[in-house]
Amino acid sequence: MKAFATSPTFGCTGVAVSCCETTTRRMRSGKGTKLATVSGMDCFCGSYEIAQEEGLDKSAVVTFNIPDAGIRFKAPFAAVDAEHGHLAALLALLEFIDSNQKYFPRQTYQIYSNNLKIVNGVNQRELLDDKFSSLLDKALTYRRKYHYSLEWIPIGENPAYDSLFD
C-alpha cells in the first residue's frame, strides 16, 4: 500500500511511503493508535547517489526506514554531495516523525546512518561544511524536541537500503 508525504525543507512532494498493512489500518482508523510503543524506537536513514542522466536534476535517492512501524520512505533528491544527501535523509525522517506525532508520541529515537561524517557532525564531534549550517541547526533543533541519538551503522546493515530499487 502506498501513502504520500511531503518534505517542506527539501520541496519533495508526492513521495511514496510504503507501509505495512497493519500500520496502514491503524492510520486509517483515525483513532491515533500509537505506532511508536517502545521507548528508543530504531530508525534508519541513508542516501544513495544515482548516475546523472541528461535532463534529470536529481543526483541521489534519500531513504529512511522505521521497521517497528513498517514504514519505508524513498525520494529522489538534488544533493550537492554525499553528505548533503545523507543530511537530507536524516531531516526527512525527523520531519516525518514531527508531522506524525499522532502516531509517534514524544519519546526517544535511536537513529542509525551509514555516513560517519554526518553522524559525527550532528553529534558535534566533527565540523560540517558551512554550507550545511542551516540544515545542521534544524537537525539539532529536532534533537532538543525529540531526544534522538544518532549512531553509525555499516551500509550492509542499514535496512534503509533494503528495497531501494523496487
Protein backbone atom coordinates (compact mmCIF):
# COMPACT_ATOMS: atom_id res chain seq x y z
CA MET A 1 0.00 0.00 0.00
CA LYS A 2 1.29 3.50 -0.81
CA ALA A 3 0.75 6.72 1.08
CA PHE A 4 2.23 10.09 0.31
CA ALA A 5 4.31 12.53 2.30
CA THR A 6 5.92 15.88 1.68
CA SER A 7 9.14 17.41 2.92
CA PRO A 8 8.87 21.18 3.28
CA THR A 9 12.62 21.55 3.84
CA PHE A 10 13.54 19.86 0.59
CA GLY A 11 10.48 20.53 -1.55
CA CYS A 12 9.72 16.85 -2.15
CA THR A 13 6.09 16.20 -2.96
CA GLY A 14 4.22 13.04 -3.87
CA VAL A 15 6.87 10.92 -2.20
CA ALA A 16 5.91 7.28 -1.80
CA VAL A 17 5.93 5.82 1.68
CA SER A 18 5.42 2.08 1.85
CA CYS A 19 3.53 0.96 4.91
CA CYS A 20 2.78 -2.50 6.17
CA GLU A 21 -0.92 -3.40 6.17
CA THR A 22 -1.21 -3.30 9.98
CA THR A 23 0.26 0.19 10.14
CA THR A 24 -1.98 1.41 7.34
CA ARG A 25 -5.07 0.01 9.06
CA ARG A 26 -4.13 1.82 12.28
CA MET A 27 -3.64 5.10 10.45
CA ARG A 28 -6.99 4.84 8.65
CA SER A 29 -8.82 4.16 11.89
CA GLY A 30 -8.36 7.81 12.82
CA LYS A 31 -8.11 6.88 16.47
CA GLY A 32 -4.49 7.91 16.76
CA THR A 33 -3.21 4.45 17.60
CA LYS A 34 0.36 4.79 18.75
CA LEU A 35 2.79 3.17 16.34
CA ALA A 36 5.82 4.04 18.43
CA THR A 37 5.15 2.00 21.52
CA VAL A 38 8.70 1.21 22.57
CA SER A 39 10.97 3.83 24.04
CA GLY A 40 14.04 4.22 21.86
CA MET A 41 12.41 3.20 18.56
CA ASP A 42 15.03 2.22 15.94
CA CYS A 43 15.05 4.32 12.76
CA PHE A 44 17.45 4.12 9.83
CA CYS A 45 18.32 6.66 7.15
CA GLY A 46 20.67 6.97 4.22
CA SER A 47 21.27 8.32 0.76
CA TYR A 48 22.31 6.62 -2.44
CA GLU A 49 23.96 8.53 -5.27
CA ILE A 50 22.46 7.92 -8.71
CA ALA A 51 24.12 8.38 -12.08
CA GLN A 52 23.49 11.73 -13.67
CA GLU A 53 21.38 11.47 -16.79
CA GLU A 54 20.61 14.17 -19.28
CA GLY A 55 17.54 16.11 -18.20
CA LEU A 56 17.49 14.56 -14.71
CA ASP A 57 18.11 17.13 -12.00
CA LYS A 58 18.26 14.62 -9.13
CA SER A 59 21.59 13.16 -8.04
CA ALA A 60 20.57 10.95 -5.11
CA VAL A 61 17.80 8.95 -3.53
CA VAL A 62 17.17 9.75 0.14
CA THR A 63 15.64 6.96 2.16
CA PHE A 64 14.57 6.08 5.67
CA ASN A 65 13.08 3.05 7.34
CA ILE A 66 11.16 2.65 10.61
CA PRO A 67 10.94 -1.16 10.87
CA ASP A 68 8.76 -1.23 14.02
CA ALA A 69 6.09 0.76 12.18
CA GLY A 70 6.60 -0.92 8.79
CA ILE A 71 7.43 2.40 7.12
CA ARG A 72 9.87 2.80 4.25
CA PHE A 73 10.46 6.10 2.50
CA LYS A 74 12.46 6.99 -0.57
CA ALA A 75 12.57 10.05 -2.79
CA PRO A 76 14.83 11.49 -5.48
CA PHE A 77 16.84 14.48 -4.31
CA ALA A 78 19.20 17.02 -5.87
CA ALA A 79 22.16 16.62 -3.50
CA VAL A 80 25.30 18.67 -3.94
CA ASP A 81 27.40 15.83 -2.47
CA ALA A 82 27.10 12.63 -0.40
CA GLU A 83 26.94 14.48 2.93
CA HIS A 84 24.09 16.66 1.65
CA GLY A 85 22.11 13.57 0.63
CA HIS A 86 22.61 11.87 3.99
CA LEU A 87 21.71 15.01 5.92
CA ALA A 88 18.58 15.33 3.76
CA ALA A 89 17.63 11.73 4.59
CA LEU A 90 18.03 12.39 8.32
CA LEU A 91 15.93 15.55 8.11
CA ALA A 92 13.25 13.81 6.02
CA LEU A 93 13.00 11.16 8.77
CA LEU A 94 12.81 13.79 11.51
CA GLU A 95 10.19 15.81 9.59
CA PHE A 96 8.14 12.63 9.13
CA ILE A 97 8.26 11.94 12.87
CA ASP A 98 7.42 15.58 13.61
CA SER A 99 4.42 15.68 11.27
CA ASN A 100 3.04 12.35 12.55
CA GLN A 101 3.10 12.87 16.31
CA LYS A 102 -0.40 11.43 16.49
CA TYR A 103 1.21 8.08 15.68
CA PHE A 104 4.68 8.69 17.11
CA PRO A 105 4.19 10.08 20.61
CA ARG A 106 7.04 12.01 22.15
CA GLN A 107 9.76 9.59 23.10
CA THR A 108 13.38 8.89 22.32
CA TYR A 109 14.51 7.59 18.94
CA GLN A 110 17.63 5.63 18.10
CA ILE A 111 18.61 6.71 14.60
CA TYR A 112 21.27 5.00 12.51
CA SER A 113 23.07 6.34 9.44
CA ASN A 114 25.93 4.90 7.44
CA ASN A 115 27.57 8.31 6.80
CA LEU A 116 30.12 8.77 9.58
CA LYS A 117 30.79 12.42 8.70
CA ILE A 118 27.10 13.31 9.19
CA VAL A 119 26.86 11.23 12.37
CA ASN A 120 29.92 13.00 13.80
CA GLY A 121 28.70 16.41 12.59
CA VAL A 122 25.25 16.07 14.18
CA ASN A 123 26.85 14.68 17.34
CA GLN A 124 29.14 17.75 17.30
CA ARG A 125 32.34 15.69 17.14
CA GLU A 126 33.30 16.99 13.70
CA LEU A 127 32.64 20.23 11.84
CA LEU A 128 30.48 20.04 8.73
CA ASP A 129 30.90 22.36 5.77
CA ASP A 130 29.42 25.83 6.43
CA LYS A 131 27.01 25.36 3.53
CA PHE A 132 25.14 22.84 5.70
CA SER A 133 24.90 25.04 8.82
CA SER A 134 21.17 25.75 8.48
CA LEU A 135 20.42 22.04 7.92
CA LEU A 136 22.60 21.08 10.89
CA ASP A 137 20.80 23.66 13.04
CA LYS A 138 17.48 22.11 12.06
CA ALA A 139 18.74 18.60 12.99
CA LEU A 140 19.89 19.91 16.38
CA THR A 141 16.53 21.64 16.94
CA TYR A 142 14.80 18.30 16.30
CA ARG A 143 17.22 16.65 18.75
CA ARG A 144 16.12 19.00 21.52
CA LYS A 145 12.47 18.41 20.61
CA TYR A 146 12.52 14.60 20.20
CA HIS A 147 15.61 13.43 22.10
CA TYR A 148 17.10 11.21 19.44
CA SER A 149 20.54 9.68 19.38
CA LEU A 150 22.40 9.18 16.12
CA GLU A 151 24.88 6.36 15.59
CA TRP A 152 26.86 4.99 12.68
CA ILE A 153 25.91 1.66 11.10
CA PRO A 154 27.71 -0.15 8.25
CA ILE A 155 25.91 0.27 4.93
CA GLY A 156 25.35 -3.50 4.64
CA GLU A 157 23.42 -3.48 7.92
CA ASN A 158 21.29 -0.41 7.15
CA PRO A 159 17.73 -1.56 6.32
CA ALA A 160 17.00 1.84 4.77
CA TYR A 161 18.53 0.33 1.61
CA ASP A 162 16.57 -2.97 1.69
CA SER A 163 14.04 -2.12 -1.01
CA LEU A 164 15.80 0.82 -2.61
CA PHE A 165 15.30 -0.36 -6.16
CA ASP A 166 11.70 -1.66 -6.12
